[in-house]
């Protein structure tokens, strides 16, 4: 006998926000009886692992960006050759696309 859970779709899971929405959708589907609790718990467990991966990747990207800013700030704070400090110049850097390595 086919189950209703075959009609349950999560959609794309390429961003942290999409994974969080999928977790909510899964919990609501379990509450309404669209999917079994056992299937829902398994889906939520997998989504929780995926969420942790995205959060870890985002934290690593933030750490790399902070390191880049620290290097630029240190270079800008160093006195120029004439011995006078004319001010700080902080360049605007375009955000990089995260690599999934």
C-alpha atoms as a PDB file:
ATOM      1  CA  UNK A   1       0.000   0.000   0.000  1.00  0.00           C
ATOM      2  CA  UNK A   2       1.546   3.361  -1.026  1.00  0.00           C
ATOM      3  CA  UNK A   3       2.028   5.931   1.677  1.00  0.00           C
ATOM      4  CA  UNK A   4       1.178   9.621   1.602  1.00  0.00           C
ATOM      5  CA  UNK A   5       4.821  10.549   2.230  1.00  0.00           C
ATOM      6  CA  UNK A   6       5.641  10.040  -1.458  1.00  0.00           C
ATOM      7  CA  UNK A   7       3.852  13.365  -2.125  1.00  0.00           C
ATOM      8  CA  UNK A   8       5.979  15.174   0.458  1.00  0.00           C
ATOM      9  CA  UNK A   9       8.536  17.453  -1.233  1.00  0.00           C
ATOM     10  CA  UNK A  10      11.141  19.603   0.489  1.00  0.00           C
ATOM     11  CA  UNK A  11      12.323  21.617  -2.513  1.00  0.00           C
ATOM     12  CA  UNK A  12      15.860  22.865  -2.974  1.00  0.00           C
ATOM     13  CA  UNK A  13      18.267  22.578  -0.067  1.00  0.00           C
ATOM     14  CA  UNK A  14      21.125  24.780  -1.261  1.00  0.00           C
ATOM     15  CA  UNK A  15      21.084  27.480   1.424  1.00  0.00           C
ATOM     16  CA  UNK A  16      20.822  27.535   5.184  1.00  0.00           C
ATOM     17  CA  UNK A  17      17.449  29.296   4.983  1.00  0.00           C
ATOM     18  CA  UNK A  18      16.050  26.602   2.705  1.00  0.00           C
ATOM     19  CA  UNK A  19      17.184  23.867   5.105  1.00  0.00           C
ATOM     20  CA  UNK A  20      15.577  25.652   8.063  1.00  0.00           C
ATOM     21  CA  UNK A  21      12.316  26.051   6.111  1.00  0.00           C
ATOM     22  CA  UNK A  22      12.440  22.346   5.223  1.00  0.00           C
ATOM     23  CA  UNK A  23      12.792  21.456   8.900  1.00  0.00           C
ATOM     24  CA  UNK A  24       9.675  23.469   9.703  1.00  0.00           C
ATOM     25  CA  UNK A  25       7.792  21.955   6.778  1.00  0.00           C
ATOM     26  CA  UNK A  26       8.746  18.455   7.941  1.00  0.00           C
ATOM     27  CA  UNK A  27       7.591  19.073  11.509  1.00  0.00           C
ATOM     28  CA  UNK A  28       4.276  20.484  10.243  1.00  0.00           C
ATOM     29  CA  UNK A  29       3.835  17.472   7.924  1.00  0.00           C
ATOM     30  CA  UNK A  30       4.379  15.107  10.854  1.00  0.00           C
ATOM     31  CA  UNK A  31       1.861  17.030  12.956  1.00  0.00           C
ATOM     32  CA  UNK A  32      -0.771  16.906  10.229  1.00  0.00           C
ATOM     33  CA  UNK A  33      -0.172  13.218   9.518  1.00  0.00           C
ATOM     34  CA  UNK A  34       1.066  13.779   5.941  1.00  0.00           C
ATOM     35  CA  UNK A  35       4.166  11.752   6.743  1.00  0.00           C
ATOM     36  CA  UNK A  36       4.794   9.220   9.474  1.00  0.00           C
ATOM     37  CA  UNK A  37       6.610  10.314  12.582  1.00  0.00           C
ATOM     38  CA  UNK A  38       9.333   7.756  11.930  1.00  0.00           C
ATOM     39  CA  UNK A  39       9.978   9.107   8.416  1.00  0.00           C
ATOM     40  CA  UNK A  40       9.790  12.675   9.678  1.00  0.00           C
ATOM     41  CA  UNK A  41      12.363  12.056  12.400  1.00  0.00           C
ATOM     42  CA  UNK A  42      14.742  10.547   9.857  1.00  0.00           C
ATOM     43  CA  UNK A  43      14.290  13.526   7.524  1.00  0.00           C
ATOM     44  CA  UNK A  44      14.772  15.990  10.396  1.00  0.00           C
ATOM     45  CA  UNK A  45      17.946  14.215  11.473  1.00  0.00           C
ATOM     46  CA  UNK A  46      19.405  14.474   7.969  1.00  0.00           C
ATOM     47  CA  UNK A  47      18.339  18.106   7.669  1.00  0.00           C
ATOM     48  CA  UNK A  48      19.926  18.849  11.048  1.00  0.00           C
ATOM     49  CA  UNK A  49      23.247  17.455   9.829  1.00  0.00           C
ATOM     50  CA  UNK A  50      22.966  19.494   6.624  1.00  0.00           C
ATOM     51  CA  UNK A  51      22.174  22.615   8.675  1.00  0.00           C
ATOM     52  CA  UNK A  52      25.281  22.081  10.784  1.00  0.00           C
ATOM     53  CA  UNK A  53      27.379  21.758   7.618  1.00  0.00           C
ATOM     54  CA  UNK A  54      26.039  25.040   6.236  1.00  0.00           C
ATOM     55  CA  UNK A  55      26.570  26.837   9.564  1.00  0.00           C
ATOM     56  CA  UNK A  56      30.138  25.537   9.819  1.00  0.00           C
ATOM     57  CA  UNK A  57      30.873  26.637   6.264  1.00  0.00           C
ATOM     58  CA  UNK A  58      29.412  30.090   6.935  1.00  0.00           C
ATOM     59  CA  UNK A  59      31.487  30.486  10.096  1.00  0.00           C
ATOM     60  CA  UNK A  60      34.624  29.499   8.186  1.00  0.00           C
ATOM     61  CA  UNK A  61      33.849  32.097   5.497  1.00  0.00           C
ATOM     62  CA  UNK A  62      33.351  34.757   8.183  1.00  0.00           C
ATOM     63  CA  UNK A  63      36.675  33.806   9.788  1.00  0.00           C
ATOM     64  CA  UNK A  64      38.478  34.061   6.435  1.00  0.00           C
ATOM     65  CA  UNK A  65      36.905  37.465   5.773  1.00  0.00           C
ATOM     66  CA  UNK A  66      37.931  38.700   9.222  1.00  0.00           C
ATOM     67  CA  UNK A  67      41.510  37.571   8.534  1.00  0.00           C
ATOM     68  CA  UNK A  68      41.492  39.495   5.232  1.00  0.00           C
ATOM     69  CA  UNK A  69      40.164  42.627   6.925  1.00  0.00           C
ATOM     70  CA  UNK A  70      42.816  42.336   9.658  1.00  0.00           C
ATOM     71  CA  UNK A  71      45.568  42.167   7.029  1.00  0.00           C
ATOM     72  CA  UNK A  72      44.198  45.242   5.234  1.00  0.00           C
ATOM     73  CA  UNK A  73      43.788  47.137   8.499  1.00  0.00           C
ATOM     74  CA  UNK A  74      47.349  46.322   9.574  1.00  0.00           C
ATOM     75  CA  UNK A  75      48.694  47.458   6.193  1.00  0.00           C
ATOM     76  CA  UNK A  76      46.690  50.679   6.357  1.00  0.00           C
ATOM     77  CA  UNK A  77      47.808  51.402   9.924  1.00  0.00           C
ATOM     78  CA  UNK A  78      51.519  51.080   9.073  1.00  0.00           C
ATOM     79  CA  UNK A  79      53.241  54.492   8.698  1.00  0.00           C
ATOM     80  CA  UNK A  80      54.167  55.512   5.191  1.00  0.00           C
ATOM     81  CA  UNK A  81      57.802  55.895   4.105  1.00  0.00           C
ATOM     82  CA  UNK A  82      57.842  59.630   4.809  1.00  0.00           C
ATOM     83  CA  UNK A  83      56.951  58.992   8.406  1.00  0.00           C
ATOM     84  CA  UNK A  84      53.599  60.757   8.120  1.00  0.00           C
ATOM     85  CA  UNK A  85      50.327  59.006   8.355  1.00  0.00           C
ATOM     86  CA  UNK A  86      47.857  60.404   5.858  1.00  0.00           C
ATOM     87  CA  UNK A  87      44.892  58.254   6.811  1.00  0.00           C
ATOM     88  CA  UNK A  88      43.472  54.811   6.365  1.00  0.00           C
ATOM     89  CA  UNK A  89      42.202  53.447   3.108  1.00  0.00           C
ATOM     90  CA  UNK A  90      40.030  50.396   3.365  1.00  0.00           C
ATOM     91  CA  UNK A  91      39.188  48.856   0.045  1.00  0.00           C
ATOM     92  CA  UNK A  92      35.748  47.484  -0.621  1.00  0.00           C
ATOM     93  CA  UNK A  93      36.038  43.855  -1.584  1.00  0.00           C
ATOM     94  CA  UNK A  94      33.317  42.058  -3.468  1.00  0.00           C
ATOM     95  CA  UNK A  95      31.988  39.021  -1.607  1.00  0.00           C
ATOM     96  CA  UNK A  96      33.296  35.748  -2.933  1.00  0.00           C
ATOM     97  CA  UNK A  97      31.194  32.767  -3.829  1.00  0.00           C
ATOM     98  CA  UNK A  98      31.688  30.019  -1.226  1.00  0.00           C
ATOM     99  CA  UNK A  99      33.408  26.935  -2.491  1.00  0.00           C
ATOM    100  CA  UNK A 100      31.982  23.620  -1.375  1.00  0.00           C
ATOM    101  CA  UNK A 101      35.179  21.761  -0.582  1.00  0.00           C
END
